[in-house]
Amino acid sequence: MSSQPALRSARLSPFEQLRCAREILQRESQSLAELARRLDARFCQAVELLYGCRGSVIVSGMGKAGLVGRKIMATLASTGTRSHCLHPAEAVHGDLGRVHPEDVLLILSQSGETEEVVRMLPSLSEFGVPILAITARADSTLARAAAVTLELGSLEEACWLGLAPSTSTTAMLALGDALALVTSRMRNFDRE
């Protein structure tokens, strides 16, 4: 006999499954459209920071934001911008040695208060490495430490409980794609 409580099934008909899926996609696409409308000069400052980077763009984030960051790093690398990832928890255990003064840090955190990210900030400040932040709040600890902050704003997660990172990670990913692809275009990166 299992000590785990039995999960209640919420079996959905095919019609309900499609209705739910469409609603999730519509919520996320509406959030992306709103984010696109709110882009301003800070986006251009972020692109200039990436374009002018003489070292590597080091992408960092914790949890789901870190997973999104890995994809953004891969897009940057495949479109002409040298980049790699730095796990925030490992950074404070010796991996900050990867960071050099000519690098730019791109840090993703929905709250801007993620403990492991915040713990890196004093060291990064000492190194004088510019930080580009993608976060929901411009008044967060991360945003205040950043040279440029791209604010996602208040986003409602598409999860029916409002908890699972969904809309927020989609917005981070799309914004990262926009940064990488605009920077690539400025570099005249081509098929060859």
Foldseek 3Di string as FASTA:
>chain_A
DDPDDDDDDPDDDPVVVVVLVVLQVVQLVVLLVVLVVPDDCLLVVLLCLQLQQPPAAEEEEDDLSRVLSQVLQVLLVVLPGHYYYDYLQVCVVPVVVVDAQSYEYEYEDAALPPPSVLVCLVVCVVRNHAYEYEYQDCPHSNNVSHPGYSHSHDGQRSPPVSPDPHSSSSNSNVSSNVSSVVSSVVVVRDPD
